[in-house]
């Protein structure tokens, strides 16, 4: 019988969101709700497992980690793109890597939750109202006729832009390969990166993390922002120069930031973001909805079944 580890199930949700029993005669599933950072600790935990099921990038599987897991045969991730897996190293170690589909709509929804929370100061007003004695302490920013800047007009950025249009916002977009024709198809204007950061009241990032996009929002971009503008990131933390963003928030050079993703996750307890009042923070919840979990776990089970039969599906290649 194979042993399979489900990692980083923070909410202990996985057991109830898939029919794990359908493989009970072939697989022993073990669920872990805690998170380990140290590679040696991870290797010690997983040394007897043949199969590992990952929740996105919560635990990286780079060459150094894979080399410590000689018994690993199958590595499964939610999503078909995961830069925290060294797929080439896995192939060299004869580890099959398989992905799953992921639903596109949850992350744009969360991005808008952060935008509206910042514009209307919802977390602050909620806290002060509960503490008692406070009533209407802030003056919010309306969205109509404000400028929304979308960095990355792809699968996730497009619905964010369309919602901005529904709010009657002026929507502009930029990415390294974006054309005016593509932007026009969505009903938005393609602008330069400099103009987007200088003109937008809300800037929201929707790009995958790669060697090319790492640090794509640098100190000079943040310096171009209006002092009232907000930066929203529901994609990946390293897209932004984190030190530059912390400085801008501490000095109130920008209005604030809505952040769902961070350079280090879980976010360290002593991180500056936790103490800055001009931030709205969520713990990488963009994709974390029941619908997504059900799709990913069901397809992971399908992938295991296919692998056992010798015909793996949804295989990720270097």
Protein backbone atom coordinates (compact mmCIF):
# COMPACT_ATOMS: atom_id res chain seq x y z
CA UNK A 1 0.00 0.00 0.00
CA UNK A 2 1.23 3.48 -0.87
CA UNK A 3 1.38 6.28 1.71
CA UNK A 4 0.32 9.79 0.73
CA UNK A 5 0.87 12.99 2.72
CA UNK A 6 -1.43 16.00 2.31
CA UNK A 7 0.60 19.03 3.42
CA UNK A 8 -0.30 22.40 4.89
CA UNK A 9 -4.02 21.79 5.27
CA UNK A 10 -4.24 24.91 7.44
CA UNK A 11 -8.01 24.77 7.93
CA UNK A 12 -8.16 20.95 8.28
CA UNK A 13 -10.56 21.18 5.35
CA UNK A 14 -9.16 18.52 3.02
CA UNK A 15 -10.67 15.42 4.72
CA UNK A 16 -14.21 16.65 4.08
CA UNK A 17 -13.76 18.04 0.58
CA UNK A 18 -12.95 14.90 -1.41
CA UNK A 19 -13.76 11.21 -1.50
CA UNK A 20 -10.44 9.92 -0.22
CA UNK A 21 -12.00 6.54 0.62
CA UNK A 22 -12.27 5.60 -3.03
CA UNK A 23 -8.57 4.68 -2.93
CA UNK A 24 -8.53 3.29 0.62
CA UNK A 25 -7.46 -0.18 -0.57
CA UNK A 26 -4.40 1.27 -2.28
CA UNK A 27 -3.50 4.50 -0.50
CA UNK A 28 -3.13 5.51 3.13
CA UNK A 29 -3.74 9.26 3.28
CA UNK A 30 -2.23 11.26 6.15
CA UNK A 31 -3.28 14.90 6.63
CA UNK A 32 -0.98 17.57 8.12
CA UNK A 33 -2.52 20.90 9.18
CA UNK A 34 0.71 22.46 10.45
CA UNK A 35 3.49 24.01 8.37
CA UNK A 36 7.19 23.15 8.48
CA UNK A 37 9.90 25.49 7.14
CA UNK A 38 13.08 23.51 7.75
CA UNK A 39 14.03 21.11 4.96
CA UNK A 40 15.45 18.54 7.37
CA UNK A 41 12.21 18.54 9.38
CA UNK A 42 10.18 18.15 6.18
CA UNK A 43 12.43 15.29 5.03
CA UNK A 44 12.07 13.54 8.40
CA UNK A 45 8.28 13.84 8.22
CA UNK A 46 8.01 12.61 4.64
CA UNK A 47 10.73 9.94 4.51
CA UNK A 48 8.22 7.07 4.51
CA UNK A 49 5.78 8.59 2.03
CA UNK A 50 5.57 7.61 -1.64
CA UNK A 51 3.18 10.43 -2.60
CA UNK A 52 2.95 14.06 -1.52
CA UNK A 53 0.00 16.36 -2.17
CA UNK A 54 0.91 20.06 -2.09
CA UNK A 55 -1.34 23.03 -1.41
CA UNK A 56 0.05 25.47 -3.99
CA UNK A 57 3.47 26.86 -2.94
CA UNK A 58 3.04 26.49 0.81
CA UNK A 59 5.97 24.04 1.01
CA UNK A 60 8.61 24.34 -1.74
CA UNK A 61 10.06 21.24 -3.37
CA UNK A 62 13.34 22.40 -4.83
CA UNK A 63 16.30 20.13 -5.64
CA UNK A 64 17.73 20.30 -2.12
CA UNK A 65 14.42 19.07 -0.68
CA UNK A 66 13.78 16.46 -3.34
CA UNK A 67 17.25 14.96 -2.86
CA UNK A 68 16.34 14.23 0.76
CA UNK A 69 13.27 12.19 -0.23
CA UNK A 70 14.50 9.03 -1.99
CA UNK A 71 11.16 7.24 -1.46
CA UNK A 72 9.08 9.96 -3.13
CA UNK A 73 7.54 8.76 -6.40
CA UNK A 74 4.62 11.12 -7.09
CA UNK A 75 4.32 14.84 -6.30
CA UNK A 76 0.93 16.51 -6.78
CA UNK A 77 0.19 20.22 -6.74
CA UNK A 78 -2.97 22.26 -7.08
CA UNK A 79 -2.66 24.27 -10.28
CA UNK A 80 -0.71 23.53 -13.44
CA UNK A 81 2.01 26.08 -12.70
CA UNK A 82 4.05 26.03 -9.51
CA UNK A 83 7.41 27.80 -9.37
CA UNK A 84 8.17 26.31 -5.96
CA UNK A 85 8.70 22.90 -7.60
CA UNK A 86 11.97 22.10 -9.38
CA UNK A 87 10.31 19.93 -12.01
CA UNK A 88 13.64 19.16 -13.70
CA UNK A 89 15.14 17.92 -10.42
CA UNK A 90 12.02 15.86 -9.78
CA UNK A 91 12.35 14.24 -13.21
CA UNK A 92 16.02 13.49 -12.56
CA UNK A 93 14.97 11.78 -9.30
CA UNK A 94 12.28 9.81 -11.19
CA UNK A 95 9.49 11.67 -9.40
CA UNK A 96 6.37 12.28 -11.47
CA UNK A 97 4.85 15.74 -10.96
CA UNK A 98 1.16 16.28 -11.73
CA UNK A 99 -1.06 19.34 -11.43
CA UNK A 100 -4.75 20.17 -11.44
CA UNK A 101 -7.08 22.76 -12.83
CA UNK A 102 -7.83 25.83 -10.72
CA UNK A 103 -10.85 28.13 -10.87
CA UNK A 104 -10.12 31.66 -11.99
CA UNK A 105 -12.82 33.71 -10.30
CA UNK A 106 -11.93 33.55 -6.56
CA UNK A 107 -8.77 35.68 -6.72
CA UNK A 108 -10.35 38.60 -8.63
CA UNK A 109 -13.17 38.56 -6.08
CA UNK A 110 -10.68 38.88 -3.22
CA UNK A 111 -8.79 41.63 -5.05
CA UNK A 112 -12.01 43.64 -5.12
CA UNK A 113 -12.60 42.88 -1.46
CA UNK A 114 -9.23 44.46 -0.69
CA UNK A 115 -9.86 47.44 -2.98
CA UNK A 116 -13.20 48.25 -1.39
CA UNK A 117 -11.84 47.64 2.12
CA UNK A 118 -9.09 50.19 1.47
CA UNK A 119 -11.34 52.72 -0.24
CA UNK A 120 -13.92 52.70 2.55
CA UNK A 121 -11.61 51.79 5.47
CA UNK A 122 -13.87 48.86 6.36
CA UNK A 123 -11.47 46.95 8.69
CA UNK A 124 -10.67 50.10 10.68
CA UNK A 125 -14.28 51.23 10.98
CA UNK A 126 -15.36 47.71 11.97
CA UNK A 127 -12.74 47.54 14.72
CA UNK A 128 -13.48 51.00 16.10
CA UNK A 129 -17.23 50.41 16.07
CA UNK A 130 -16.76 47.18 18.05
CA UNK A 131 -14.47 48.88 20.56
CA UNK A 132 -17.28 51.32 21.37
CA UNK A 133 -17.52 55.08 21.45
CA UNK A 134 -16.49 55.56 17.83
CA UNK A 135 -18.81 56.54 15.00
CA UNK A 136 -17.74 57.58 11.48
CA UNK A 137 -14.05 58.20 12.04
CA UNK A 138 -12.93 58.21 8.40
CA UNK A 139 -14.01 59.74 5.10
CA UNK A 140 -13.93 57.13 2.35
CA UNK A 141 -12.91 57.31 -1.29
CA UNK A 142 -15.58 56.61 -3.90
CA UNK A 143 -14.65 54.44 -6.88
CA UNK A 144 -16.66 56.11 -9.65
CA UNK A 145 -14.40 58.07 -12.03
CA UNK A 146 -11.28 57.02 -10.12
CA UNK A 147 -8.49 55.36 -12.09
CA UNK A 148 -7.85 51.65 -11.72
CA UNK A 149 -4.46 50.44 -12.94
CA UNK A 150 -4.27 46.73 -13.78
CA UNK A 151 -0.79 45.24 -14.04
CA UNK A 152 -1.27 42.08 -16.08
CA UNK A 153 -4.41 41.84 -18.22
CA UNK A 154 -4.64 38.06 -18.41
CA UNK A 155 -6.91 35.38 -16.99
CA UNK A 156 -7.20 37.11 -13.61
CA UNK A 157 -6.55 40.72 -14.52
CA UNK A 158 -9.29 40.80 -17.16
CA UNK A 159 -12.24 40.14 -14.81
CA UNK A 160 -10.77 42.64 -12.33
CA UNK A 161 -10.69 45.24 -15.09
CA UNK A 162 -14.27 44.47 -16.15
CA UNK A 163 -15.52 44.91 -12.59
CA UNK A 164 -13.73 48.26 -12.51
CA UNK A 165 -15.64 49.28 -15.62
CA UNK A 166 -18.89 48.22 -13.93
CA UNK A 167 -18.02 50.63 -11.11
CA UNK A 168 -17.63 53.31 -13.82
CA UNK A 169 -13.93 53.64 -13.16
CA UNK A 170 -11.33 54.76 -15.66
CA UNK A 171 -9.41 51.51 -16.22
CA UNK A 172 -5.87 51.43 -17.61
CA UNK A 173 -3.56 48.46 -17.97
CA UNK A 174 0.07 47.57 -18.52
CA UNK A 175 2.24 44.50 -18.80
CA UNK A 176 5.47 43.89 -20.73
CA UNK A 177 3.66 42.32 -23.70
CA UNK A 178 0.28 44.05 -23.57
CA UNK A 179 -0.90 45.61 -26.82
CA UNK A 180 -3.40 48.39 -27.36
CA UNK A 181 -5.52 45.97 -29.38
CA UNK A 182 -5.69 43.42 -26.55
CA UNK A 183 -6.57 46.14 -24.01
CA UNK A 184 -9.30 47.45 -26.32
CA UNK A 185 -10.86 43.99 -26.46
CA UNK A 186 -11.44 44.28 -22.71
CA UNK A 187 -12.60 47.88 -23.01
CA UNK A 188 -9.60 49.44 -21.23
CA UNK A 189 -6.68 51.63 -22.25
CA UNK A 190 -3.13 50.35 -22.63
CA UNK A 191 -0.64 52.79 -21.07
CA UNK A 192 3.05 52.82 -20.18
CA UNK A 193 4.18 51.46 -16.85
CA UNK A 194 5.29 54.92 -15.73
CA UNK A 195 1.93 56.47 -16.60
CA UNK A 196 -0.03 53.71 -14.86
CA UNK A 197 1.85 54.14 -11.58
CA UNK A 198 1.65 57.93 -11.77
CA UNK A 199 -2.04 58.18 -12.65
CA UNK A 200 -3.86 55.30 -10.94
CA UNK A 201 -5.73 55.62 -7.67
CA UNK A 202 -5.71 51.84 -7.23
CA UNK A 203 -3.02 49.58 -8.71
CA UNK A 204 -3.69 45.85 -8.68
CA UNK A 205 -1.22 43.14 -9.71
CA UNK A 206 -2.22 40.04 -11.68
CA UNK A 207 0.95 38.44 -13.03
CA UNK A 208 2.58 35.05 -12.46
CA UNK A 209 5.89 35.03 -10.63
CA UNK A 210 8.89 34.20 -12.82
CA UNK A 211 12.50 35.28 -13.17
CA UNK A 212 11.30 38.06 -15.48
CA UNK A 213 8.51 39.34 -13.24
CA UNK A 214 10.29 39.13 -9.87
CA UNK A 215 10.57 42.68 -8.52
CA UNK A 216 8.59 44.08 -11.46
CA UNK A 217 7.21 46.73 -9.08
CA UNK A 218 10.33 48.46 -7.82
CA UNK A 219 11.11 51.44 -5.63
CA UNK A 220 10.93 53.86 -8.58
CA UNK A 221 7.44 52.61 -9.48
CA UNK A 222 6.18 53.04 -5.92
CA UNK A 223 7.70 56.53 -5.80
CA UNK A 224 5.63 57.51 -8.84
CA UNK A 225 2.36 56.67 -7.07
CA UNK A 226 0.06 59.39 -5.81
CA UNK A 227 0.22 59.98 -2.05
CA UNK A 228 -3.45 58.91 -1.94
CA UNK A 229 -3.05 55.80 -4.13
CA UNK A 230 -3.34 52.19 -3.01
CA UNK A 231 -1.36 49.13 -4.13
CA UNK A 232 -3.10 45.73 -4.15
CA UNK A 233 -1.32 42.39 -4.59
CA UNK A 234 -3.16 39.07 -4.78
CA UNK A 235 -0.61 37.43 -7.10
CA UNK A 236 2.79 36.75 -5.50
CA UNK A 237 4.72 38.72 -2.90
CA UNK A 238 8.08 38.89 -4.73
CA UNK A 239 6.51 40.82 -7.62
CA UNK A 240 7.00 43.88 -5.39
CA UNK A 241 10.19 45.24 -3.83
CA UNK A 242 8.94 44.57 -0.30
CA UNK A 243 11.46 46.83 1.45
CA UNK A 244 10.50 49.75 -0.79
CA UNK A 245 6.81 49.15 -0.10
CA UNK A 246 7.37 49.04 3.66
CA UNK A 247 9.24 52.35 3.47
CA UNK A 248 6.47 53.97 1.43
CA UNK A 249 3.84 52.77 3.91
CA UNK A 250 5.84 53.82 6.96
CA UNK A 251 6.42 57.32 5.57
CA UNK A 252 2.85 57.53 4.23
CA UNK A 253 4.21 58.24 0.76
CA UNK A 254 1.20 56.29 -0.58
CA UNK A 255 -2.31 55.83 0.73
CA UNK A 256 -1.93 52.19 1.68
CA UNK A 257 -1.75 48.61 0.47
CA UNK A 258 -4.02 45.57 0.32
CA UNK A 259 -1.87 42.45 0.46
CA UNK A 260 -2.81 38.79 0.24
CA UNK A 261 0.69 37.51 -0.62
CA UNK A 262 4.13 38.04 0.89
CA UNK A 263 7.80 37.28 0.32
CA UNK A 264 7.75 34.81 3.22
CA UNK A 265 4.61 32.84 4.01
CA UNK A 266 3.19 32.46 6.57
CA UNK A 267 4.00 36.10 7.29
CA UNK A 268 6.50 36.33 10.19
CA UNK A 269 4.98 37.56 13.44
CA UNK A 270 7.44 40.46 13.67
CA UNK A 271 6.96 41.67 10.10
CA UNK A 272 6.43 45.40 9.58
CA UNK A 273 3.22 44.83 7.61
CA UNK A 274 1.52 43.56 10.77
CA UNK A 275 1.97 46.88 12.59
CA UNK A 276 1.22 49.29 9.75
CA UNK A 277 -2.26 50.81 10.05
CA UNK A 278 -2.47 51.71 6.35
CA UNK A 279 -2.60 48.08 5.23
CA UNK A 280 -5.36 45.51 4.81
CA UNK A 281 -3.84 42.02 5.08
CA UNK A 282 -5.20 38.58 4.28
CA UNK A 283 -3.27 35.27 4.60
CA UNK A 284 -3.03 34.22 0.91
CA UNK A 285 -6.75 33.59 0.57
CA UNK A 286 -7.08 34.43 -3.12
CA UNK A 287 -7.66 30.87 -4.29
CA UNK A 288 -8.90 29.52 -0.96
CA UNK A 289 -12.56 28.77 -1.54
CA UNK A 290 -14.38 25.47 -1.18
CA UNK A 291 -15.04 25.22 -4.92
CA UNK A 292 -11.32 25.39 -5.71
CA UNK A 293 -10.40 22.86 -3.06
CA UNK A 294 -13.01 20.42 -4.34
CA UNK A 295 -11.71 20.70 -7.92
CA UNK A 296 -8.06 20.35 -6.91
CA UNK A 297 -8.46 17.44 -4.48
CA UNK A 298 -10.76 15.50 -6.82
CA UNK A 299 -8.26 15.84 -9.66
CA UNK A 300 -5.38 14.88 -7.38
CA UNK A 301 -7.23 11.63 -6.63
CA UNK A 302 -7.74 11.13 -10.37
CA UNK A 303 -4.03 11.74 -10.92
CA UNK A 304 -3.07 9.18 -8.29
CA UNK A 305 -5.42 6.61 -9.81
CA UNK A 306 -3.98 7.19 -13.28
CA UNK A 307 -0.41 7.00 -11.97
CA UNK A 308 -1.10 3.68 -10.24
CA UNK A 309 -2.39 2.36 -13.57
CA UNK A 310 0.81 3.48 -15.29
CA UNK A 311 -0.73 6.32 -17.32
CA UNK A 312 -0.22 9.51 -15.30
CA UNK A 313 -2.37 12.49 -16.22
CA UNK A 314 -1.86 16.27 -16.05
CA UNK A 315 1.90 15.71 -15.93
CA UNK A 316 4.09 18.78 -15.49
CA UNK A 317 7.32 18.69 -17.50
CA UNK A 318 10.55 20.76 -17.16
